[in-house]
Structures are given as structure tokens and as C-alpha cells.
N, C-alpha and C. Protein backbone atom coordinates (compact mmCIF):
# COMPACT_ATOMS: atom_id res chain seq x y z
N MET A 1 0.71 19.74 4.02
CA MET A 1 1.03 18.27 4.80
C MET A 1 0.75 17.23 4.15
N GLN A 2 -0.49 17.41 3.16
CA GLN A 2 -0.88 16.28 2.30
C GLN A 2 0.61 15.65 0.92
N ASN A 3 1.04 17.11 1.05
CA ASN A 3 2.08 16.52 -0.49
C ASN A 3 3.00 15.91 0.13
N LYS A 4 3.63 16.36 1.56
CA LYS A 4 4.93 15.70 1.68
C LYS A 4 4.47 14.25 2.13
N LEU A 5 3.41 13.79 2.37
CA LEU A 5 2.95 12.53 2.70
C LEU A 5 3.20 11.65 1.36
N ILE A 6 3.01 11.87 0.08
CA ILE A 6 3.47 11.32 -1.06
C ILE A 6 4.55 10.90 -1.29
N PRO A 7 5.82 11.35 -0.96
CA PRO A 7 7.20 11.14 -0.88
C PRO A 7 7.16 10.03 0.04
N ILE A 8 7.13 10.20 0.98
CA ILE A 8 7.26 9.22 2.42
C ILE A 8 6.45 8.08 2.02
N LEU A 9 5.39 8.08 1.45
CA LEU A 9 4.50 6.66 1.41
C LEU A 9 5.49 6.13 0.06
N VAL A 10 5.98 6.68 -0.61
CA VAL A 10 6.57 5.85 -1.83
C VAL A 10 7.75 5.39 -1.34
N LEU A 11 8.67 6.24 -0.67
CA LEU A 11 10.01 5.76 -0.12
C LEU A 11 9.77 4.94 0.57
N SER A 12 8.89 4.95 1.44
CA SER A 12 8.52 3.45 2.58
C SER A 12 8.15 2.47 1.80
N VAL A 13 7.59 2.14 0.60
CA VAL A 13 7.03 0.97 0.24
C VAL A 13 8.39 0.81 -0.78
N ILE A 14 9.44 1.44 -1.15
CA ILE A 14 10.31 1.03 -1.75
C ILE A 14 11.23 0.59 -0.78
N MET A 15 11.94 1.27 0.34
CA MET A 15 12.60 0.87 1.42
C MET A 15 12.13 -0.36 1.71
N LEU A 16 10.82 -1.02 2.22
CA LEU A 16 10.38 -1.89 2.90
C LEU A 16 10.85 -2.78 1.92
N GLY A 17 10.64 -2.91 0.58
CA GLY A 17 10.54 -3.68 -0.39
C GLY A 17 12.36 -4.42 -0.20
N LEU A 18 13.29 -3.07 -0.35
CA LEU A 18 14.40 -3.68 -0.59
C LEU A 18 14.64 -4.21 0.93
N MET A 19 14.17 -3.65 2.25
CA MET A 19 14.85 -4.31 3.49
C MET A 19 14.26 -5.75 3.49
N SER A 20 13.35 -6.23 3.07
CA SER A 20 12.99 -7.65 3.15
C SER A 20 13.72 -8.13 2.11
N THR A 21 14.35 -7.92 1.04
CA THR A 21 15.15 -8.46 0.04
C THR A 21 16.39 -8.88 0.70
N LYS A 22 16.82 -7.97 1.22
CA LYS A 22 18.07 -7.75 2.34
C LYS A 22 18.21 -8.90 3.47
N HIS A 23 16.83 -8.89 4.10
CA HIS A 23 17.46 -10.12 5.08
C HIS A 23 17.17 -11.51 4.90
N GLN A 24 16.68 -11.58 3.64
CA GLN A 24 16.66 -12.81 3.00
C GLN A 24 18.14 -13.03 2.51
N LEU A 25 18.94 -12.38 2.58
CA LEU A 25 20.20 -12.81 1.82
C LEU A 25 21.15 -12.98 2.92
N ILE A 26 20.58 -12.51 4.49
CA ILE A 26 21.21 -12.99 5.64
C ILE A 26 21.28 -14.27 5.99
N PHE A 27 20.32 -15.00 5.74
CA PHE A 27 20.32 -16.30 6.23
C PHE A 27 21.25 -17.00 5.81
N PRO A 28 21.87 -17.88 6.21
CA PRO A 28 22.59 -19.03 5.87
C PRO A 28 21.75 -20.06 4.98
N LEU A 29 22.39 -20.63 3.75
CA LEU A 29 21.56 -21.09 2.73
C LEU A 29 20.93 -22.51 3.37
N HIS A 30 21.70 -23.11 4.18
CA HIS A 30 20.95 -24.35 4.75
C HIS A 30 19.79 -24.03 5.46
N MET A 31 19.53 -23.30 5.62
CA MET A 31 18.34 -22.68 6.37
C MET A 31 17.18 -22.00 5.30
N ALA A 32 17.77 -21.97 4.07
CA ALA A 32 16.70 -21.89 3.48
C ALA A 32 15.79 -22.61 2.90
N LYS A 33 14.29 -22.40 2.65
CA LYS A 33 13.54 -23.27 2.13
C LYS A 33 13.19 -22.78 0.96
N LYS A 34 12.45 -23.93 0.02
CA LYS A 34 11.88 -23.90 -1.27
C LYS A 34 10.87 -23.00 -1.37
N ILE A 35 10.69 -22.09 -1.95
CA ILE A 35 9.38 -21.25 -2.00
C ILE A 35 8.76 -21.55 -3.11
N THR A 36 7.62 -21.58 -2.70
CA THR A 36 6.07 -22.27 -3.74
C THR A 36 6.01 -21.16 -4.59
N ALA A 37 5.13 -21.58 -5.60
CA ALA A 37 4.34 -20.63 -6.43
C ALA A 37 3.87 -19.64 -6.08
N LYS A 38 2.97 -19.97 -4.87
CA LYS A 38 1.95 -19.25 -4.34
C LYS A 38 2.81 -18.17 -3.27
N GLU A 39 3.83 -18.58 -2.68
CA GLU A 39 4.71 -17.65 -1.82
C GLU A 39 5.23 -16.65 -2.93
N LYS A 40 5.99 -17.31 -3.90
CA LYS A 40 6.64 -16.47 -4.86
C LYS A 40 5.65 -14.84 -5.59
N GLN A 41 4.38 -15.61 -5.77
CA GLN A 41 2.98 -14.69 -6.29
C GLN A 41 3.23 -13.47 -5.29
N LYS A 42 2.89 -14.11 -3.93
CA LYS A 42 2.60 -13.32 -2.93
C LYS A 42 3.84 -12.09 -2.57
N LYS A 43 5.05 -12.78 -2.33
CA LYS A 43 6.30 -11.66 -2.54
C LYS A 43 6.07 -10.64 -3.56
N THR A 44 6.13 -10.96 -4.90
CA THR A 44 6.43 -10.10 -5.83
C THR A 44 4.94 -9.44 -6.39
N GLY A 45 3.65 -9.89 -6.15
CA GLY A 45 2.65 -9.33 -6.91
C GLY A 45 2.39 -9.33 -8.50
N SER A 46 1.25 -9.21 -8.78
CA SER A 46 1.02 -8.99 -10.21
C SER A 46 0.11 -8.32 -10.40
N MET A 47 0.32 -7.64 -11.98
CA MET A 47 -0.63 -6.68 -11.93
C MET A 47 -0.74 -7.09 -13.71
N THR A 48 -2.17 -6.72 -14.00
CA THR A 48 -2.69 -6.85 -15.74
C THR A 48 -2.24 -5.52 -15.99
N GLU A 49 -2.31 -5.34 -17.42
CA GLU A 49 -1.84 -4.02 -17.75
C GLU A 49 -3.20 -2.79 -17.50
N LYS A 50 -4.52 -3.49 -17.72
CA LYS A 50 -5.85 -3.09 -17.83
C LYS A 50 -5.59 -2.30 -16.15
N VAL A 51 -5.56 -3.20 -15.29
CA VAL A 51 -5.76 -2.37 -13.98
C VAL A 51 -4.49 -1.35 -13.78
N ALA A 52 -3.22 -1.64 -14.21
CA ALA A 52 -2.17 -0.63 -14.16
C ALA A 52 -2.96 0.86 -14.88
N LYS A 53 -3.34 0.40 -15.44
CA LYS A 53 -4.12 1.79 -16.35
C LYS A 53 -4.62 2.33 -15.89
N LYS A 54 -5.65 1.71 -15.22
CA LYS A 54 -6.93 2.40 -14.46
C LYS A 54 -6.22 2.75 -13.22
N LEU A 55 -5.56 2.38 -12.28
CA LEU A 55 -4.51 2.63 -11.33
C LEU A 55 -4.09 4.08 -11.66
N GLY A 56 -3.17 4.13 -12.81
CA GLY A 56 -2.38 5.64 -13.36
C GLY A 56 -3.46 6.71 -13.38
N GLU A 57 -4.69 6.19 -14.07
CA GLU A 57 -5.66 6.93 -14.37
C GLU A 57 -6.19 8.00 -12.78
N ALA A 58 -6.51 7.00 -12.09
CA ALA A 58 -7.18 7.26 -10.50
C ALA A 58 -5.85 7.93 -9.93
N GLN A 59 -4.58 7.83 -10.11
CA GLN A 59 -3.67 8.41 -9.63
C GLN A 59 -3.42 9.96 -9.98
N GLU A 60 -3.57 10.03 -11.26
CA GLU A 60 -3.31 11.37 -11.54
C GLU A 60 -4.51 12.19 -11.25
N LEU A 61 -5.87 11.88 -11.14
CA LEU A 61 -7.01 12.69 -10.73
C LEU A 61 -6.82 12.49 -9.31
N ILE A 62 -6.30 12.00 -8.72
CA ILE A 62 -6.19 12.00 -7.00
C ILE A 62 -5.07 13.23 -6.95
N ASP A 63 -3.92 13.03 -7.57
CA ASP A 63 -2.85 13.90 -7.49
C ASP A 63 -3.11 15.22 -7.75
N SER A 64 -4.04 15.39 -8.87
CA SER A 64 -4.70 16.94 -9.18
C SER A 64 -5.95 17.10 -8.42
N GLU A 65 -6.33 16.37 -7.25
CA GLU A 65 -7.13 17.05 -6.54
C GLU A 65 -8.45 16.45 -6.56
N GLN A 66 -8.86 15.71 -7.71
CA GLN A 66 -10.11 15.34 -8.03
C GLN A 66 -10.20 14.15 -7.56
N LEU A 67 -10.56 14.28 -6.20
CA LEU A 67 -10.64 12.92 -5.51
C LEU A 67 -12.19 12.13 -5.75
N ASP A 68 -12.94 12.71 -5.93
CA ASP A 68 -14.17 12.25 -6.32
C ASP A 68 -14.40 11.33 -7.51
N GLU A 69 -13.70 11.88 -8.48
CA GLU A 69 -13.40 11.10 -9.82
C GLU A 69 -12.45 9.96 -10.07
N GLY A 70 -11.36 10.56 -8.83
CA GLY A 70 -10.30 9.03 -8.88
C GLY A 70 -11.01 7.95 -8.09
N VAL A 71 -11.77 8.50 -6.85
CA VAL A 71 -12.62 7.18 -6.18
C VAL A 71 -13.48 6.49 -7.00
N GLU A 72 -14.22 6.89 -8.27
CA GLU A 72 -14.90 6.40 -9.12
C GLU A 72 -14.20 5.52 -10.20
N ILE A 73 -13.05 5.70 -10.44
CA ILE A 73 -11.93 4.96 -11.14
C ILE A 73 -11.36 3.66 -10.40
N LEU A 74 -11.46 3.83 -9.00
CA LEU A 74 -10.84 2.94 -8.08
C LEU A 74 -12.32 1.71 -7.91
N ASN A 75 -13.58 2.40 -7.78
CA ASN A 75 -14.53 1.41 -7.71
C ASN A 75 -14.72 0.74 -9.08
N SER A 76 -14.48 1.42 -9.99
CA SER A 76 -14.65 0.60 -11.41
C SER A 76 -13.62 -0.35 -11.47
N ILE A 77 -12.48 -0.66 -10.63
CA ILE A 77 -11.56 -1.33 -10.91
C ILE A 77 -12.08 -2.80 -10.18
N LEU A 78 -12.65 -2.32 -8.77
CA LEU A 78 -13.19 -3.60 -7.92
C LEU A 78 -14.24 -4.14 -8.66
N GLU A 79 -14.61 -3.88 -9.59
CA GLU A 79 -15.95 -4.48 -10.52
C GLU A 79 -15.61 -5.49 -11.12
N PHE A 80 -13.90 -5.41 -11.84
CA PHE A 80 -13.18 -6.25 -12.74
C PHE A 80 -13.54 -7.71 -12.02
N LYS A 81 -13.57 -8.65 -13.29
CA LYS A 81 -14.14 -10.15 -12.54
C LYS A 81 -12.96 -10.71 -11.80
N LYS A 82 -11.77 -10.69 -12.12
CA LYS A 82 -10.36 -11.00 -11.40
C LYS A 82 -9.32 -10.08 -11.17
N LEU A 83 -9.25 -10.04 -9.92
CA LEU A 83 -8.67 -9.06 -9.47
C LEU A 83 -7.26 -9.96 -8.57
N SER A 84 -5.85 -9.78 -8.70
CA SER A 84 -5.12 -10.31 -7.82
C SER A 84 -5.14 -9.75 -6.68
N PRO A 85 -4.20 -10.76 -5.50
CA PRO A 85 -4.49 -10.01 -4.37
C PRO A 85 -3.74 -8.56 -4.36
N TYR A 86 -2.53 -8.35 -5.01
CA TYR A 86 -1.95 -7.06 -5.32
C TYR A 86 -2.67 -6.27 -5.71
N GLU A 87 -3.49 -6.44 -6.82
CA GLU A 87 -4.30 -5.48 -7.42
C GLU A 87 -5.26 -5.08 -6.28
N ARG A 88 -6.18 -5.84 -5.73
CA ARG A 88 -6.92 -5.45 -4.82
C ARG A 88 -6.02 -4.51 -3.79
N GLY A 89 -5.30 -5.46 -2.98
CA GLY A 89 -4.34 -4.51 -2.13
C GLY A 89 -3.84 -3.00 -2.64
N GLN A 90 -4.05 -2.86 -3.84
CA GLN A 90 -3.39 -1.50 -4.44
C GLN A 90 -4.66 -0.46 -4.45
N VAL A 91 -5.71 -1.10 -4.49
CA VAL A 91 -6.88 -0.14 -4.84
C VAL A 91 -7.10 0.08 -3.41
N ASN A 92 -7.14 -0.63 -2.55
CA ASN A 92 -7.43 -0.42 -0.74
C ASN A 92 -6.54 0.81 -0.28
N TYR A 93 -5.29 0.38 -0.61
CA TYR A 93 -3.96 1.50 -0.72
C TYR A 93 -4.66 2.99 -1.13
N PHE A 94 -4.98 3.15 -2.36
CA PHE A 94 -5.80 4.33 -2.57
C PHE A 94 -6.68 4.87 -2.25
N PHE A 95 -7.46 3.83 -1.99
CA PHE A 95 -8.64 4.28 -1.04
C PHE A 95 -8.25 4.57 0.18
N ALA A 96 -7.47 4.30 0.84
CA ALA A 96 -6.88 4.69 2.36
C ALA A 96 -6.22 6.21 1.78
N TYR A 97 -5.46 6.45 0.84
CA TYR A 97 -4.94 7.71 0.81
C TYR A 97 -5.91 8.76 0.44
N VAL A 98 -7.04 8.05 -0.35
CA VAL A 98 -7.80 9.34 -0.76
C VAL A 98 -8.75 10.02 0.73
N ARG A 99 -9.01 8.73 1.60
CA ARG A 99 -9.82 9.04 2.73
C ARG A 99 -8.83 9.80 3.51
N TYR A 100 -7.30 9.61 3.47
CA TYR A 100 -6.41 10.71 4.31
C TYR A 100 -6.36 12.16 3.82
N LEU A 101 -6.34 12.17 2.50
CA LEU A 101 -6.65 13.44 1.84
C LEU A 101 -7.75 14.09 2.27
N LYS A 102 -8.91 13.49 2.32
CA LYS A 102 -9.89 14.03 2.97
C LYS A 102 -10.01 14.36 4.35
N GLY A 103 -8.86 14.27 5.13
CA GLY A 103 -9.08 14.31 6.76
C GLY A 103 -9.60 13.37 7.34
N ASP A 104 -9.72 12.45 6.76
CA ASP A 104 -10.57 11.05 7.47
C ASP A 104 -9.27 9.87 7.86
N SER A 105 -8.55 10.28 8.81
CA SER A 105 -7.69 9.72 9.41
C SER A 105 -8.19 7.77 9.49
N ARG A 106 -9.53 7.90 10.51
CA ARG A 106 -10.12 6.57 10.74
C ARG A 106 -10.41 5.79 9.62
N GLY A 107 -11.03 6.70 8.65
CA GLY A 107 -11.51 5.77 7.30
C GLY A 107 -10.12 5.38 6.82
N ALA A 108 -9.23 5.93 6.80
CA ALA A 108 -7.88 5.83 6.15
C ALA A 108 -6.98 4.37 6.72
N ILE A 109 -7.15 4.51 8.11
CA ILE A 109 -6.83 3.32 8.83
C ILE A 109 -7.48 2.34 8.38
N THR A 110 -9.16 2.34 8.05
CA THR A 110 -9.52 1.13 7.95
C THR A 110 -9.10 0.78 6.62
N TYR A 111 -8.92 1.41 5.70
CA TYR A 111 -8.44 0.77 4.28
C TYR A 111 -7.19 0.22 4.34
N TYR A 112 -6.20 0.81 5.12
CA TYR A 112 -5.01 0.39 5.37
C TYR A 112 -4.99 -1.24 6.37
N LYS A 113 -5.60 -1.09 7.11
CA LYS A 113 -6.06 -2.50 7.54
C LYS A 113 -6.60 -3.33 6.93
N ARG A 114 -7.38 -3.25 5.81
CA ARG A 114 -7.71 -4.02 4.98
C ARG A 114 -6.92 -4.42 3.95
N VAL A 115 -5.80 -3.85 3.41
CA VAL A 115 -4.50 -4.15 2.98
C VAL A 115 -3.91 -5.15 3.74
N VAL A 116 -3.54 -4.68 5.03
CA VAL A 116 -2.75 -5.96 5.92
C VAL A 116 -3.35 -7.15 6.47
N ALA A 117 -4.67 -7.11 6.79
CA ALA A 117 -5.44 -8.38 7.00
C ALA A 117 -5.67 -9.51 5.71
N ASP A 118 -5.23 -8.70 4.37
CA ASP A 118 -5.12 -9.83 3.19
C ASP A 118 -4.17 -10.70 3.24
N PRO A 119 -3.81 -12.09 3.66
CA PRO A 119 -2.37 -12.69 3.72
C PRO A 119 -1.94 -12.88 2.58
N ASN A 120 -2.35 -12.29 0.95
CA ASN A 120 -2.34 -12.97 -0.51
C ASN A 120 -1.56 -11.44 -0.71
N VAL A 121 -1.68 -10.49 -0.01
CA VAL A 121 -1.10 -9.27 -0.40
C VAL A 121 0.42 -9.12 0.00
N PRO A 122 1.44 -8.77 -1.41
CA PRO A 122 2.83 -8.76 -0.83
C PRO A 122 3.30 -8.31 0.50
N ASP A 123 4.56 -8.94 0.85
CA ASP A 123 5.02 -8.32 1.74
C ASP A 123 5.06 -6.82 2.06
N GLY A 124 5.75 -6.23 1.23
CA GLY A 124 5.93 -4.70 0.96
C GLY A 124 4.97 -3.69 1.00
N LEU A 125 4.03 -4.29 0.41
CA LEU A 125 2.59 -3.13 0.44
C LEU A 125 1.91 -3.48 1.97
N ILE A 126 1.92 -4.92 2.36
CA ILE A 126 1.72 -4.89 4.14
C ILE A 126 2.35 -3.93 4.56
N GLN A 127 3.76 -4.13 4.69
CA GLN A 127 4.89 -3.54 5.83
C GLN A 127 4.43 -1.74 5.56
N ALA A 128 4.39 -1.46 4.48
CA ALA A 128 4.13 0.12 3.83
C ALA A 128 2.85 0.60 4.39
N SER A 129 1.68 -0.56 4.65
CA SER A 129 0.43 -0.12 5.26
C SER A 129 0.51 -0.16 6.58
N LYS A 130 1.35 -0.90 7.18
CA LYS A 130 1.64 -1.15 8.73
C LYS A 130 2.36 0.28 9.45
N PHE A 131 3.21 0.86 8.48
CA PHE A 131 4.12 1.63 8.53
C PHE A 131 3.19 3.36 9.03
N THR A 132 2.47 3.27 7.67
CA THR A 132 1.40 4.32 7.70
C THR A 132 0.40 4.58 8.77
N ILE A 133 -0.44 3.11 9.12
CA ILE A 133 -1.11 3.15 9.99
C ILE A 133 -0.42 3.87 11.38
N ALA A 134 0.75 3.28 11.67
CA ALA A 134 1.54 3.79 12.84
C ALA A 134 1.58 5.15 12.63
N GLN A 135 2.16 5.76 11.41
CA GLN A 135 1.96 7.27 11.66
C GLN A 135 0.86 7.84 11.86
N LEU A 136 -0.57 7.21 11.39
CA LEU A 136 -1.68 7.77 11.44
C LEU A 136 -1.94 7.87 12.81
N TYR A 137 -1.59 6.90 13.76
CA TYR A 137 -2.20 6.84 15.06
C TYR A 137 -1.08 7.30 15.91
N PHE A 138 0.02 7.94 15.33
CA PHE A 138 0.95 8.69 16.42
C PHE A 138 0.67 10.18 16.81
N PRO A 139 0.38 10.68 17.71
CA PRO A 139 -0.39 11.66 18.03
C PRO A 139 0.31 12.85 17.21
N LYS A 140 -0.56 13.94 16.75
CA LYS A 140 0.28 15.01 15.90
C LYS A 140 0.12 16.04 16.69
N SER A 141 -0.61 16.08 17.95
CA SER A 141 -0.76 17.60 18.50
C SER A 141 0.47 17.48 19.59
N LYS A 142 1.03 16.91 19.94
CA LYS A 142 1.71 16.80 21.19
C LYS A 142 3.54 16.62 20.26
N SER A 143 4.20 17.45 20.63
CA SER A 143 5.26 17.25 20.28
C SER A 143 6.18 16.24 21.20
N MET A 144 7.79 15.91 20.77
CA MET A 144 8.18 15.15 21.41
C MET A 144 9.27 16.06 22.63
N PRO A 145 9.58 16.37 23.51
CA PRO A 145 10.47 16.77 24.53
C PRO A 145 11.76 16.10 23.88
N MET A 146 12.88 17.56 23.88
CA MET A 146 13.81 17.23 23.49
C MET A 146 14.71 16.74 24.62
N LEU A 147 15.64 15.85 24.72
CA LEU A 147 16.23 15.36 25.52
C LEU A 147 17.46 15.68 25.82
């Protein structure tokens, strides 16, 4: 079950990013507003090479089921002096995923909600977090009746 969620999460992040781009192209040009630098950063996010490397290390450990070691690296990232909203959102997203892997759905939802609560996190990551929260709230013990 845990391994099945990884591709779903990755695909949802990609699809939500593509969908948000697609919707922007639908609006007529006269309705377009000038995008400020802050909005542009929020939309795309930014990550330093140092944080990207550390997140990669954490992901490798988490994927190899060394969850505690992965969490240590995530905690070390939070100690960096300057983290962009995107970087902080990614760290919380990973914390949520680790909680999920440990069977702690409530803890996972708490971390996903942290991602959603930050207005400076890019929309794609917020949407992916909302989608995952919905999946975690969906009752797994009851199957849907066939119509």
C-alpha cells in the first residue's frame, strides 16, 4: 500500500501543476492581471542546491525505509537560516509522508495542513497536499457500492 502511494503523490503534484497552468491560458487576455514578483515566486517556488541535495538524501533514506534517519536530515534542513516557503513546504510534505508510512494518518494530515496553511507555498504543492488530505480522510474500511 505504501509503495502505491508514492506514484500517486508524484503524479498528483505534476497533474495539479499542469492543470493550474492550463486554466491560466483559458482566460481572455483582457482579464489577465500583472503578476508581481512575489506571486511569481509563489507560483514557481525556488530551492537552493544545498536544500535540494539534503532533500534528495532524505528521500533516499525514506524510500529505503530508514525513516528515522530521513527525519534527522529533514530536521537538519529546518535548522538552515534561510528557507524559502517552497523549501519549508517540501520539508513539511516529506514529514507528512513519513508519518503516513509509520501508520500515523492524523500526524500526516497535520503536516499536510501546515503546507496548505502557508500562503507563500506554490499552488501545486498546496493542491497536492489538499488532495492527499482528502485521500487520508476517505474511509478505507467501507467499499463504495456498485450502482
